[in-house]
Amino acid sequence: MMTTHRAWVYGDHVNTDVIFPGKYTYTLKTPEEIASKALEDLDPTFPSRYRPGMSSSQDVTGAVAAAGSRRSRH
């Protein structure tokens, strides 16, 4: 059996600031609003290309994916 999947491939050091931009931390509330800004700074086309229910999709990053955010340091 053969299946087809989609992958978005990104480089190394994809930190949490580009996964979800800090400028939206306290302004967006619903999952739909949050999803519409996902990866906005890394790949502005991502929210328009991703569709809910794409369970066979994967985000692929290199080394140090989801490194800590500057926002987490007080």
N, C-alpha and C. Protein backbone atom coordinates (compact mmCIF):
# COMPACT_ATOMS: atom_id res chain seq x y z
N MET A 1 0.84 -1.16 0.00
CA MET A 1 0.00 0.00 0.00
C MET A 1 0.89 1.24 0.00
N MET A 2 0.56 2.20 -0.83
CA MET A 2 1.32 3.45 -0.91
C MET A 2 0.45 4.59 -0.40
N THR A 3 1.04 5.49 0.39
CA THR A 3 0.31 6.65 0.87
C THR A 3 1.07 7.92 0.51
N THR A 4 0.37 9.01 0.55
CA THR A 4 0.97 10.31 0.25
C THR A 4 0.85 11.19 1.48
N HIS A 5 1.93 11.88 1.80
CA HIS A 5 1.96 12.78 2.95
C HIS A 5 2.58 14.10 2.54
N ARG A 6 2.33 15.11 3.32
CA ARG A 6 2.91 16.43 3.08
C ARG A 6 3.84 16.76 4.25
N ALA A 7 4.96 17.37 3.93
CA ALA A 7 5.89 17.80 4.98
C ALA A 7 6.34 19.22 4.69
N TRP A 8 6.39 20.03 5.74
CA TRP A 8 6.99 21.36 5.63
C TRP A 8 8.36 21.24 6.28
N VAL A 9 9.39 21.49 5.52
CA VAL A 9 10.75 21.29 6.01
C VAL A 9 11.38 22.64 6.30
N TYR A 10 11.87 22.79 7.52
CA TYR A 10 12.52 24.01 7.95
C TYR A 10 13.91 23.68 8.45
N GLY A 11 14.76 24.67 8.55
CA GLY A 11 16.16 24.46 8.93
C GLY A 11 16.37 24.28 10.43
N ASP A 12 17.60 24.51 10.83
CA ASP A 12 18.00 24.36 12.22
C ASP A 12 17.57 25.58 13.05
N HIS A 13 17.56 25.40 14.34
CA HIS A 13 17.32 26.48 15.31
C HIS A 13 15.98 27.18 15.12
N VAL A 14 14.94 26.41 14.93
CA VAL A 14 13.59 26.96 14.85
C VAL A 14 13.10 27.11 16.29
N ASN A 15 13.10 28.34 16.78
CA ASN A 15 12.74 28.54 18.19
C ASN A 15 11.27 28.88 18.35
N THR A 16 10.85 28.92 19.58
CA THR A 16 9.43 29.14 19.85
C THR A 16 8.94 30.52 19.43
N ASP A 17 9.86 31.47 19.30
CA ASP A 17 9.45 32.80 18.84
C ASP A 17 8.97 32.78 17.39
N VAL A 18 9.48 31.89 16.57
CA VAL A 18 8.99 31.81 15.19
C VAL A 18 7.87 30.79 15.03
N ILE A 19 7.76 29.87 15.96
CA ILE A 19 6.64 28.94 15.92
C ILE A 19 5.35 29.70 16.21
N PHE A 20 5.40 30.55 17.23
CA PHE A 20 4.27 31.41 17.54
C PHE A 20 4.80 32.77 17.99
N PRO A 21 4.63 33.80 17.15
CA PRO A 21 5.18 35.12 17.45
C PRO A 21 4.65 35.71 18.75
N GLY A 22 5.57 36.22 19.56
CA GLY A 22 5.22 36.78 20.87
C GLY A 22 4.26 37.95 20.82
N LYS A 23 4.24 38.66 19.70
CA LYS A 23 3.34 39.82 19.62
C LYS A 23 1.87 39.43 19.73
N TYR A 24 1.57 38.14 19.59
CA TYR A 24 0.19 37.67 19.67
C TYR A 24 -0.13 36.97 20.99
N THR A 25 0.84 36.85 21.87
CA THR A 25 0.68 36.04 23.08
C THR A 25 -0.57 36.39 23.88
N TYR A 26 -0.85 37.65 24.06
CA TYR A 26 -1.98 38.04 24.91
C TYR A 26 -3.17 38.59 24.13
N THR A 27 -3.12 38.53 22.81
CA THR A 27 -4.21 39.10 22.03
C THR A 27 -5.09 38.06 21.36
N LEU A 28 -4.53 36.90 21.04
CA LEU A 28 -5.31 35.85 20.37
C LEU A 28 -5.81 34.85 21.40
N LYS A 29 -7.04 34.44 21.27
CA LYS A 29 -7.65 33.56 22.28
C LYS A 29 -8.08 32.20 21.74
N THR A 30 -8.68 32.17 20.56
CA THR A 30 -9.25 30.91 20.07
C THR A 30 -8.20 30.09 19.32
N PRO A 31 -8.38 28.78 19.27
CA PRO A 31 -7.45 27.94 18.50
C PRO A 31 -7.34 28.39 17.04
N GLU A 32 -8.45 28.84 16.46
CA GLU A 32 -8.43 29.28 15.06
C GLU A 32 -7.58 30.54 14.88
N GLU A 33 -7.70 31.47 15.82
CA GLU A 33 -6.89 32.69 15.76
C GLU A 33 -5.40 32.36 15.92
N ILE A 34 -5.09 31.50 16.87
CA ILE A 34 -3.70 31.11 17.11
C ILE A 34 -3.13 30.39 15.90
N ALA A 35 -3.89 29.46 15.35
CA ALA A 35 -3.43 28.71 14.17
C ALA A 35 -3.17 29.62 12.98
N SER A 36 -3.93 30.70 12.87
CA SER A 36 -3.77 31.59 11.72
C SER A 36 -2.44 32.34 11.75
N LYS A 37 -1.74 32.33 12.87
CA LYS A 37 -0.46 33.03 13.00
C LYS A 37 0.72 32.08 13.17
N ALA A 38 0.46 30.78 13.19
CA ALA A 38 1.52 29.79 13.38
C ALA A 38 2.59 29.92 12.30
N LEU A 39 3.82 29.95 12.72
CA LEU A 39 4.99 30.04 11.84
C LEU A 39 5.01 31.29 10.96
N GLU A 40 4.23 32.28 11.30
CA GLU A 40 4.11 33.49 10.49
C GLU A 40 5.46 34.13 10.15
N ASP A 41 6.36 34.22 11.13
CA ASP A 41 7.65 34.87 10.88
C ASP A 41 8.63 33.99 10.12
N LEU A 42 8.46 32.69 10.20
CA LEU A 42 9.35 31.75 9.50
C LEU A 42 8.86 31.48 8.09
N ASP A 43 7.57 31.27 7.95
CA ASP A 43 6.98 30.92 6.65
C ASP A 43 5.60 31.57 6.56
N PRO A 44 5.52 32.79 6.03
CA PRO A 44 4.25 33.50 5.97
C PRO A 44 3.15 32.76 5.21
N THR A 45 3.50 31.81 4.37
CA THR A 45 2.49 31.08 3.61
C THR A 45 1.92 29.88 4.37
N PHE A 46 2.55 29.50 5.47
CA PHE A 46 2.13 28.29 6.19
C PHE A 46 0.66 28.30 6.59
N PRO A 47 0.16 29.36 7.26
CA PRO A 47 -1.25 29.30 7.68
C PRO A 47 -2.23 29.13 6.52
N SER A 48 -1.92 29.69 5.38
CA SER A 48 -2.85 29.57 4.25
C SER A 48 -2.76 28.22 3.56
N ARG A 49 -1.63 27.52 3.72
CA ARG A 49 -1.47 26.21 3.07
C ARG A 49 -1.92 25.06 3.96
N TYR A 50 -1.86 25.25 5.27
CA TYR A 50 -2.25 24.19 6.18
C TYR A 50 -3.77 24.14 6.30
N ARG A 51 -4.32 22.96 6.34
CA ARG A 51 -5.76 22.79 6.48
C ARG A 51 -6.04 21.90 7.69
N PRO A 52 -7.01 22.27 8.52
CA PRO A 52 -7.37 21.40 9.65
C PRO A 52 -7.70 20.00 9.16
N GLY A 53 -7.30 19.03 9.93
CA GLY A 53 -7.56 17.65 9.56
C GLY A 53 -6.47 17.03 8.71
N MET A 54 -5.41 17.77 8.46
CA MET A 54 -4.29 17.23 7.67
C MET A 54 -3.42 16.39 8.60
N SER A 55 -3.98 15.34 9.11
CA SER A 55 -3.30 14.54 10.12
C SER A 55 -2.06 13.84 9.57
N SER A 56 -1.95 13.72 8.27
CA SER A 56 -0.77 13.08 7.70
C SER A 56 0.34 14.09 7.41
N SER A 57 0.16 15.34 7.81
CA SER A 57 1.16 16.37 7.60
C SER A 57 2.16 16.39 8.74
N GLN A 58 3.37 16.76 8.43
CA GLN A 58 4.41 16.87 9.44
C GLN A 58 5.21 18.14 9.24
N ASP A 59 5.60 18.77 10.32
CA ASP A 59 6.56 19.85 10.28
C ASP A 59 7.91 19.23 10.57
N VAL A 60 8.90 19.55 9.78
CA VAL A 60 10.22 18.96 9.95
C VAL A 60 11.22 20.08 10.15
N THR A 61 11.95 19.98 11.24
CA THR A 61 13.00 20.96 11.51
C THR A 61 14.30 20.22 11.73
N GLY A 62 15.37 20.97 11.73
CA GLY A 62 16.68 20.38 11.96
C GLY A 62 17.03 20.38 13.44
N ALA A 63 18.30 20.61 13.73
CA ALA A 63 18.79 20.61 15.11
C ALA A 63 18.18 21.75 15.91
N VAL A 64 18.01 21.53 17.17
CA VAL A 64 17.56 22.53 18.14
C VAL A 64 16.17 23.08 17.79
N ALA A 65 15.26 22.23 17.45
CA ALA A 65 13.90 22.66 17.16
C ALA A 65 13.19 23.03 18.46
N ALA A 66 12.38 24.06 18.40
CA ALA A 66 11.59 24.56 19.53
C ALA A 66 12.45 24.96 20.71
N ALA A 67 13.59 25.56 20.42
CA ALA A 67 14.46 26.07 21.49
C ALA A 67 13.70 27.10 22.30
N GLY A 68 14.13 27.32 23.51
CA GLY A 68 13.45 28.23 24.41
C GLY A 68 13.28 29.63 23.86
N SER A 69 12.24 30.24 24.29
CA SER A 69 11.89 31.57 23.85
C SER A 69 12.53 32.63 24.73
N ARG A 70 12.80 33.77 24.15
CA ARG A 70 13.25 34.91 24.94
C ARG A 70 12.16 35.30 25.92
N ARG A 71 10.91 35.04 25.57
CA ARG A 71 9.79 35.41 26.45
C ARG A 71 9.83 34.64 27.76
N SER A 72 10.45 33.46 27.78
CA SER A 72 10.45 32.65 28.98
C SER A 72 11.52 33.08 29.97
N ARG A 73 12.38 33.97 29.57
CA ARG A 73 13.45 34.44 30.46
C ARG A 73 13.04 35.77 31.09
N HIS A 74 12.93 35.78 32.41
CA HIS A 74 12.48 37.01 33.09
C HIS A 74 13.64 37.77 33.63
